[in-house]
Protein backbone atom coordinates (compact mmCIF):
# COMPACT_ATOMS: atom_id res chain seq x y z
CA MET A 1 -6.05 -19.29 51.05
CA ASP A 2 -3.87 -19.50 47.97
CA LEU A 3 -5.91 -18.75 44.85
CA GLU A 4 -2.97 -19.04 42.46
CA LYS A 5 -2.52 -22.22 40.47
CA PRO A 6 0.46 -24.23 41.74
CA GLY A 7 3.16 -24.51 39.13
CA ALA A 8 1.75 -21.65 36.98
CA PRO A 9 4.27 -19.87 34.74
CA ALA A 10 5.68 -16.63 36.16
CA GLY A 11 5.44 -14.74 32.87
CA ASP A 12 1.61 -14.38 32.76
CA GLY A 13 0.42 -10.92 31.84
CA CYS A 14 -1.90 -8.59 33.71
CA LEU A 15 -4.87 -9.73 31.57
CA VAL A 16 -4.39 -13.32 32.72
CA ALA A 17 -4.16 -12.23 36.37
CA ALA A 18 -7.18 -9.94 35.98
CA VAL A 19 -9.22 -12.85 34.59
CA ARG A 20 -7.87 -15.57 36.90
CA ILE A 21 -8.46 -14.04 40.35
CA PRO A 22 -12.17 -13.04 39.93
CA VAL A 23 -12.94 -16.29 38.14
CA ARG A 24 -11.37 -18.36 40.95
CA ILE A 25 -13.19 -16.42 43.65
CA VAL A 26 -16.58 -16.82 41.94
CA VAL A 27 -15.98 -20.50 41.15
CA LEU A 28 -14.87 -21.20 44.74
CA VAL A 29 -18.04 -19.59 46.13
CA LEU A 30 -20.16 -21.70 43.76
CA VAL A 31 -18.28 -24.98 44.16
CA VAL A 32 -18.02 -25.15 47.99
CA PRO A 33 -21.76 -25.90 48.56
CA VAL A 34 -21.75 -28.40 45.69
CA ARG A 35 -18.70 -30.21 47.13
CA MET A 36 -20.22 -30.30 50.63
CA VAL A 37 -23.49 -31.70 49.25
CA TRP A 38 -21.47 -34.24 47.24
CA ASP A 39 -19.52 -35.35 50.32
CA VAL A 40 -22.77 -35.68 52.33
CA LEU A 41 -24.27 -37.79 49.54
CA VAL A 42 -21.13 -39.97 49.45
CA VAL A 43 -21.29 -40.57 53.21
CA CYS A 44 -25.02 -41.34 53.04
CA GLY A 45 -24.46 -43.67 50.12
CA ARG A 46 -21.70 -45.57 51.94
CA PHE A 47 -23.85 -45.87 55.07
CA LEU A 48 -26.83 -47.01 52.99
CA ASN A 49 -24.62 -49.55 51.19
CA ASP A 50 -23.15 -50.95 54.43
CA ALA A 51 -26.33 -50.88 56.54
CA VAL A 52 -29.12 -51.65 54.05
CA LEU A 53 -28.06 -52.76 50.60
CA ARG A 54 -25.49 -55.40 51.59
CA PRO A 55 -27.74 -57.13 54.20
CA VAL A 56 -30.70 -56.96 51.83
CA GLY A 57 -28.55 -58.31 49.02
CA ARG A 58 -27.30 -61.18 51.19
CA ALA A 59 -30.86 -61.97 52.29
CA LEU A 60 -32.05 -61.91 48.68
CA LEU A 61 -29.13 -64.11 47.69
CA TRP A 62 -29.96 -66.64 50.39
CA LEU A 63 -33.65 -66.48 49.46
CA GLY A 64 -32.79 -67.00 45.79
CA ARG A 65 -30.67 -70.02 46.67
CA ALA A 66 -33.42 -71.42 48.92
CA VAL A 67 -36.17 -70.83 46.34
CA PHE A 68 -34.37 -71.61 43.07
CA VAL A 69 -30.93 -73.19 43.46
CA TRP A 70 -31.51 -75.80 46.16
CA PRO A 71 -34.82 -77.09 44.68
CA LEU A 72 -33.19 -77.30 41.26
CA VAL A 73 -30.17 -79.12 42.69
CA ALA A 74 -32.46 -81.55 44.53
CA LEU A 75 -34.56 -82.02 41.39
CA TRP A 76 -31.43 -82.70 39.36
CA ARG A 77 -29.86 -85.02 41.94
CA TYR A 78 -32.89 -87.03 43.03
CA VAL A 79 -35.18 -86.89 39.96
CA ALA A 80 -33.37 -86.02 36.75
CA VAL A 81 -30.25 -88.15 37.30
CA PRO A 82 -32.17 -91.35 38.27
CA ALA A 83 -34.64 -90.77 35.45
CA GLY A 84 -31.75 -90.25 33.02
CA ARG A 85 -30.07 -93.44 34.17
CA ALA A 86 -33.35 -95.34 33.81
CA LEU A 87 -33.89 -93.91 30.33
CA ALA A 88 -30.28 -94.79 29.40
CA TRP A 89 -30.85 -98.37 30.60
CA LEU A 90 -34.12 -98.58 28.65
CA ALA A 91 -32.47 -97.14 25.53
CA ARG A 92 -29.64 -99.64 25.83
CA ALA A 93 -32.01 -102.55 26.41
CA LEU A 94 -34.58 -101.56 23.76
CA VAL A 95 -32.44 -99.88 21.09
CA ALA A 96 -28.71 -100.49 21.40
CA VAL A 97 -28.77 -104.24 22.07
CA PRO A 98 -31.31 -105.02 19.27
CA ALA A 99 -29.44 -102.72 16.90
CA VAL A 100 -26.12 -104.45 17.66
CA TRP A 101 -27.72 -107.86 17.21
CA LEU A 102 -29.32 -106.75 13.91
CA TYR A 103 -26.00 -105.33 12.68
CA ARG A 104 -24.01 -108.36 13.74
CA HIS A 105 -26.31 -111.19 12.61
CA LEU A 106 -28.21 -109.65 9.66
CA LEU A 107 -26.59 -106.55 8.15
CA THR A 108 -22.98 -107.81 8.33
CA PRO A 109 -23.65 -111.12 6.43
CA LEU A 110 -25.85 -109.28 3.93
CA GLY A 111 -23.14 -106.63 3.37
CA GLN A 112 -20.47 -109.28 2.94
CA GLY A 113 -22.64 -111.07 0.34
CA LEU A 114 -23.21 -107.79 -1.55
CA VAL A 115 -19.47 -107.08 -1.48
CA ARG A 116 -18.69 -110.50 -2.95
CA LEU A 117 -21.37 -110.00 -5.64
CA LEU A 118 -20.02 -106.56 -6.54
CA ARG A 119 -16.47 -107.95 -6.67
CA GLY A 120 -17.67 -110.62 -9.16
CA VAL A 121 -19.45 -108.00 -11.28
CA ALA A 122 -16.35 -105.78 -11.21
CA ALA A 123 -14.16 -108.70 -12.27
CA GLY A 124 -16.51 -109.45 -15.20
CA LEU A 125 -16.51 -105.80 -16.28
CA ALA A 126 -12.71 -105.69 -16.06
CA TRP A 127 -12.42 -108.81 -18.29
CA MET A 128 -14.86 -107.31 -20.79
CA ASP A 129 -12.91 -104.05 -20.83
CA ALA A 130 -9.59 -105.81 -21.33
CA ARG A 131 -10.79 -108.35 -23.97
CA VAL A 132 -13.47 -106.47 -25.91
CA LEU A 133 -13.70 -102.72 -25.34
CA THR A 134 -9.96 -101.92 -25.40
CA PRO A 135 -9.23 -103.55 -28.83
CA PHE A 136 -12.37 -101.98 -30.31
CA GLY A 137 -11.39 -98.55 -28.97
CA ARG A 138 -7.86 -98.82 -30.31
CA ALA A 139 -9.16 -99.68 -33.79
CA LEU A 140 -11.62 -96.80 -33.70
CA VAL A 141 -8.85 -94.38 -32.60
CA TRP A 142 -6.63 -95.54 -35.51
CA LEU A 143 -9.46 -94.94 -38.01
CA LEU A 144 -10.21 -91.49 -36.56
CA LYS A 145 -6.53 -90.51 -36.72
CA GLY A 146 -6.39 -91.42 -40.44
CA ALA A 147 -9.57 -89.48 -41.22
CA GLY A 148 -8.28 -86.52 -39.22
CA ALA A 149 -5.00 -86.43 -41.15
CA VAL A 150 -6.86 -86.40 -44.50
CA LEU A 151 -9.21 -83.64 -43.31
CA ALA A 152 -6.26 -81.61 -41.98
CA VAL A 153 -4.55 -81.66 -45.37
CA LEU A 154 -7.76 -80.59 -47.16
CA VAL A 155 -8.47 -77.80 -44.65
CA ALA A 156 -4.89 -76.51 -44.83
CA GLY A 157 -5.11 -76.18 -48.63
CA ILE A 158 -8.47 -74.42 -48.49
CA VAL A 159 -7.33 -72.03 -45.71
CA GLY A 160 -4.12 -71.13 -47.61
CA ALA A 161 -6.08 -70.24 -50.74
CA LEU A 162 -8.56 -68.15 -48.79
CA ALA A 163 -5.72 -66.36 -46.95
CA ARG A 164 -4.08 -65.33 -50.28
CA LEU A 165 -7.41 -64.08 -51.63
CA VAL A 166 -8.10 -62.03 -48.45
CA ARG A 167 -4.59 -60.55 -48.46
CA TYR A 168 -4.65 -59.36 -52.07
CA LEU A 169 -8.31 -58.36 -52.16
CA VAL A 170 -8.76 -56.76 -48.68
CA VAL A 171 -5.55 -56.18 -46.68
CA VAL A 172 -3.36 -54.57 -49.37
CA PRO A 173 -6.05 -52.07 -50.56
CA ALA A 174 -6.96 -51.22 -46.92
CA LEU A 175 -3.30 -50.59 -46.04
CA TRP A 176 -2.83 -48.32 -49.09
CA LEU A 177 -6.03 -46.39 -48.20
CA TYR A 178 -4.88 -45.89 -44.54
CA ARG A 179 -1.34 -44.79 -45.48
CA TRP A 180 -2.13 -42.33 -48.30
CA VAL A 181 -5.66 -41.07 -47.43
CA LEU A 182 -6.79 -41.58 -43.81
CA ALA A 183 -3.50 -40.78 -42.03
CA PRO A 184 -2.94 -37.32 -43.67
CA VAL A 185 -6.59 -36.38 -43.11
CA GLY A 186 -6.40 -37.45 -39.45
CA ARG A 187 -3.21 -35.45 -38.81
CA THR A 188 -4.85 -32.34 -40.29
CA VAL A 189 -7.96 -32.77 -38.09
CA VAL A 190 -5.83 -33.30 -34.96
CA TRP A 191 -3.80 -30.13 -35.64
CA CYS A 192 -7.00 -28.08 -36.09
CA VAL A 193 -8.56 -29.44 -32.89
CA SER A 194 -5.33 -28.75 -30.92
CA ALA A 195 -5.22 -25.16 -32.14
CA LEU A 196 -8.87 -24.66 -31.18
CA VAL A 197 -8.29 -26.14 -27.71
CA TRP A 198 -5.25 -23.85 -27.16
CA CYS A 199 -7.27 -20.76 -28.05
CA VAL A 200 -10.18 -21.75 -25.78
CA GLY A 201 -7.72 -22.50 -22.94
CA ARG A 202 -6.09 -19.09 -23.23
CA ILE A 203 -9.48 -17.39 -23.15
CA LEU A 204 -10.62 -19.37 -20.10
CA ALA A 205 -7.30 -18.67 -18.32
CA GLY A 206 -7.79 -14.93 -18.78
CA ILE A 207 -11.36 -15.12 -17.50
CA GLY A 208 -10.23 -17.22 -14.48
CA PHE A 209 -7.44 -14.75 -13.62
CA CYS A 210 -9.95 -11.87 -13.67
CA LEU A 211 -12.42 -13.81 -11.48
CA TYR A 212 -9.60 -14.76 -9.06
CA GLY A 213 -8.58 -11.11 -8.68
CA ILE A 214 -12.17 -9.97 -8.13
CA THR A 215 -12.85 -12.80 -5.60
CA ARG A 216 -9.59 -12.09 -3.72
CA VAL A 217 -10.32 -8.39 -3.44
CA LEU A 218 -14.01 -8.75 -2.55
CA LEU A 219 -14.02 -11.91 -0.35
CA VAL A 220 -10.61 -13.29 0.66
CA LEU A 221 -8.95 -10.11 1.91
CA PRO A 222 -12.00 -8.99 4.01
CA ALA A 223 -12.40 -12.50 5.46
CA LEU A 224 -8.66 -12.65 6.26
CA ALA A 225 -8.78 -9.26 7.96
CA LEU A 226 -11.91 -10.30 9.92
CA TRP A 227 -10.19 -13.50 11.07
CA ARG A 228 -6.86 -11.85 11.90
CA TRP A 229 -8.07 -8.73 13.70
CA ILE A 230 -11.43 -9.81 15.23
CA LEU A 231 -12.10 -13.57 15.39
CA ALA A 232 -8.61 -14.71 16.38
CA PRO A 233 -8.25 -12.28 19.34
CA VAL A 234 -11.79 -13.03 20.52
CA GLY A 235 -11.09 -16.77 20.25
CA ARG A 236 -7.84 -16.44 22.20
CA PHE A 237 -9.64 -14.48 24.91
CA LEU A 238 -12.45 -17.04 25.10
CA ALA A 239 -9.90 -19.88 25.18
CA LEU A 240 -8.07 -18.09 28.01
CA VAL A 241 -11.32 -17.62 29.93
CA GLY A 242 -12.34 -21.27 29.39
CA ARG A 243 -8.90 -22.56 30.44
CA GLU A 244 -8.93 -20.40 33.54
CA ILE A 245 -12.48 -21.57 34.37
CA LEU A 246 -11.40 -25.21 34.11
CA ASP A 247 -8.30 -24.60 36.23
CA ALA A 248 -10.39 -22.66 38.73
CA LEU A 249 -12.90 -25.51 38.91
CA GLY A 250 -10.18 -28.02 39.71
CA HIS A 251 -8.53 -25.71 42.26
CA ALA A 252 -11.88 -24.84 43.87
CA TRP A 253 -12.87 -28.53 43.98
CA ARG A 254 -9.70 -29.37 45.90
CA ILE A 255 -10.13 -26.45 48.32
CA ALA A 256 -13.83 -27.30 48.77
CA GLY A 257 -12.81 -30.87 49.60
CA ARG A 258 -10.53 -29.63 52.36
CA ILE A 259 -13.26 -27.33 53.68
CA SER A 260 -15.82 -30.14 53.55
CA LEU A 261 -13.37 -32.46 55.37
CA ALA A 262 -12.85 -29.89 58.11
CA VAL A 263 -16.62 -29.33 58.48
CA GLY A 264 -17.24 -33.09 58.55
CA ARG A 265 -14.58 -33.58 61.22
CA PHE A 266 -16.13 -30.77 63.26
CA PHE A 267 -19.62 -32.31 63.10
CA ALA A 268 -18.15 -35.76 63.83
CA ALA A 269 -16.40 -34.38 66.92
CA VAL A 270 -19.64 -32.67 68.05
CA PHE A 271 -21.61 -35.89 67.52
CA ARG A 272 -18.98 -37.89 69.39
CA ARG A 273 -19.04 -35.44 72.33
CA ILE A 274 -22.83 -35.15 72.47
CA VAL A 275 -23.99 -38.70 71.63
CA VAL A 276 -21.21 -41.28 71.49
CA GLU A 277 -19.35 -40.44 74.70
CA PRO A 278 -22.53 -40.30 76.88
CA VAL A 279 -23.79 -43.57 75.38
CA ARG A 280 -20.41 -45.21 75.94
CA TRP A 281 -20.28 -43.92 79.55
CA VAL A 282 -23.83 -45.21 80.21
CA TYR A 283 -22.91 -48.60 78.67
CA ARG A 284 -19.67 -48.95 80.64
CA SER A 285 -20.81 -47.44 83.94
CA LEU A 286 -24.44 -48.62 84.18
CA LEU A 287 -25.44 -51.28 81.69
CA THR A 288 -22.32 -53.49 81.95
CA PRO A 289 -22.39 -53.79 85.81
CA LEU A 290 -26.17 -54.26 85.72
CA GLY A 291 -25.81 -56.97 83.05
CA HIS A 292 -23.10 -58.75 85.09
CA ALA A 293 -25.27 -58.60 88.19
CA VAL A 294 -28.28 -60.01 86.31
CA ARG A 295 -26.09 -62.74 84.81
CA ASP A 296 -24.59 -63.74 88.18
CA ALA A 297 -27.79 -63.42 90.20
CA VAL A 298 -30.46 -64.64 87.78
CA LEU A 299 -29.23 -66.22 84.56
CA ARG A 300 -26.54 -68.56 85.86
CA PRO A 301 -28.72 -69.98 88.71
CA ALA A 302 -31.60 -70.36 86.26
CA ALA A 303 -29.33 -72.17 83.78
CA ALA A 304 -27.99 -74.46 86.54
CA ALA A 305 -31.54 -75.23 87.68
CA ALA A 306 -32.61 -75.92 84.11
CA ARG A 307 -29.66 -78.27 83.60
CA GLN A 308 -30.49 -80.08 86.87
CA VAL A 309 -34.15 -80.38 85.83
CA GLY A 310 -33.10 -81.74 82.44
CA ARG A 311 -30.74 -84.25 84.03
CA THR A 312 -33.49 -85.39 86.43
CA ALA A 313 -35.98 -85.69 83.57
CA ARG A 314 -33.53 -87.80 81.53
CA GLN A 315 -32.95 -90.10 84.53
CA VAL A 316 -36.72 -90.45 85.07
CA LEU A 317 -37.24 -91.24 81.39
CA ALA A 318 -34.42 -93.80 81.42
CA ALA A 319 -35.93 -95.49 84.53
CA ALA A 320 -39.37 -95.50 82.87
CA ARG A 321 -37.92 -97.09 79.71
CA ASP A 322 -36.15 -99.77 81.79
CA SER A 323 -39.38 -100.51 83.70
CA ALA A 324 -41.39 -100.76 80.48
CA ARG A 325 -38.73 -103.06 78.95
CA GLN A 326 -38.77 -105.31 82.05
CA THR A 327 -42.58 -105.36 82.04
CA ARG A 328 -42.67 -106.43 78.36
CA ALA A 329 -40.12 -109.17 79.07
CA ASP A 330 -42.11 -110.50 82.03
CA LEU A 331 -45.33 -110.44 79.99
CA ARG A 332 -43.66 -112.27 77.07
CA ARG A 333 -42.22 -114.87 79.47
CA ALA A 334 -45.66 -115.37 81.11
CA LEU A 335 -47.43 -115.83 77.75
CA PHE A 336 -44.89 -117.78 75.67
CA GLY A 337 -42.52 -119.25 78.22
CA ALA A 338 -38.82 -118.75 78.73
CA PRO A 339 -36.69 -118.81 75.56
CA LEU A 340 -34.36 -121.77 74.96
CA HIS A 341 -30.72 -120.82 75.55
CA THR A 342 -28.39 -122.50 73.01
CA PRO A 343 -24.64 -122.15 73.32
CA PRO A 344 -23.19 -119.82 70.69
CA THR A 345 -21.33 -121.56 67.90
CA ASP A 346 -19.07 -120.30 65.14
CA GLY A 347 -20.90 -120.14 61.80
CA ARG A 348 -17.88 -121.54 59.99
CA GLU A 349 -17.98 -124.84 61.94
CA LEU A 350 -20.55 -127.55 61.16
CA SER A 351 -22.74 -129.00 63.88
CA GLY A 352 -24.19 -132.48 63.88
CA PRO A 353 -23.08 -135.70 62.26
CA GLY A 354 -21.32 -133.97 59.36
CA ALA A 355 -18.94 -132.04 61.59
CA ARG A 356 -15.26 -132.78 61.80
CA THR A 357 -14.19 -134.96 64.75
CA LEU A 358 -10.66 -133.80 65.37
CA GLY A 359 -10.89 -134.52 69.10
CA SER A 360 -12.22 -138.11 68.79
CA SER A 361 -10.75 -141.31 67.50
CA THR A 362 -13.16 -141.62 64.53
CA THR A 363 -11.32 -139.34 62.15
CA ALA A 364 -10.71 -139.87 58.46
CA LEU A 365 -7.35 -141.45 59.19
CA THR A 366 -8.65 -143.99 61.78
CA LYS A 367 -12.02 -144.73 60.23
CA ASP A 368 -12.54 -148.27 58.88
C-alpha cells in the first residue's frame, strides 16, 4: 500500500516525512471503518429508494390524483364550466343588453344634447371675450403701464439719493476703518497665534518622539521577537500538520473506498454462491418444469373447458332471447292482430292526389 501522496514534491524535508507517515497510518486506520459504514449506508439507501420509496411515492401520487386532481377536474368540467356559462348568459341578458340599450337610446342622445349646449355656451363666452373683455383688458394694461413708468421714475430718483447717502455715510468710513485699524490689528493677532501654535507643536513632537521610543522598546520589539521566533514557527508547524491531515484524509478515503469495494465484492460473491445460485438452480431445474407440467396438464385444459362452457352459455342465452322475442311477437299478434304492411316509399316523393304524374297522360303539359 502506497502511503505517499501522488505527485508530492521530492524536496520535502525529514520533518515533513516524519509527520506525514504516522498521520497517514493513523488516519487510514480511523477512516476505513467510517468508509465501509458509509458504503453500507449508501447501498441500503439505494435499495430502500428503489424498493420502498419509489413505489410508495408512485402509489401516493396516484392516490393524490384520484383523491384531489380527478375530482377537481370533474368539478371544473361538469360543474364550474356550465355554471360559468350560465352566469355569463344571465349577466349578458340581465346586465349587458340593458346597459347597451340604456347607453344607445338614453345616454347617447342626452350626451349629444349636453355637447350642443356646451358648444353654444362656449361660443357665447368666446364672443364676450372677443367683444368685451379683450378691449377692456387692453385699456387697463395701457393705464397700468403709464402708472408703472411714473412710479419707476420716482423710485429711481429716491433710490439714487439713498445710495449716495449710504455710500458717504456708511461705506467710506467703514472702508477707512478696515484698512487703517482692523487689518493691522488682525495681522498682529494672526502672527502671535501662529508663533504660539509652532511652539506647542514642537513641544508635542518632542513628547511624541519620546513616547514612540519608549513604546517601541517596551512593546513593539518584544512582540516582534515573539512573533518571529515563537508564533510563526508554531503556526508553520500547525499549518504543516493540518495540511498533512487533510491530504491524509483524502488519501485514506480513496484507499478505504477500494478496500470497501473489495469487501463488498467478496460478500456479493459469497451471497451469490450461497443464495442466488441455489435459488436459480431450483427455479430452472424444479419450478420451471413443474410449472410447465401444471400449465399443460391442468391450466390449458381448464381454460379450454371454460371457453367451451362460456360459448355454450352464450348460445343458450341467444336461443332463450330468440324464443322470448318470438313469444312476445305471437302474443302481440294474438291480442292486437297482424300489423298492416305498407310498401316503403321515398320521403322526398309525395303520395296521393298531389303527387307528380310523370308516368300518366295527365301531366301539366297535357292537362286541360
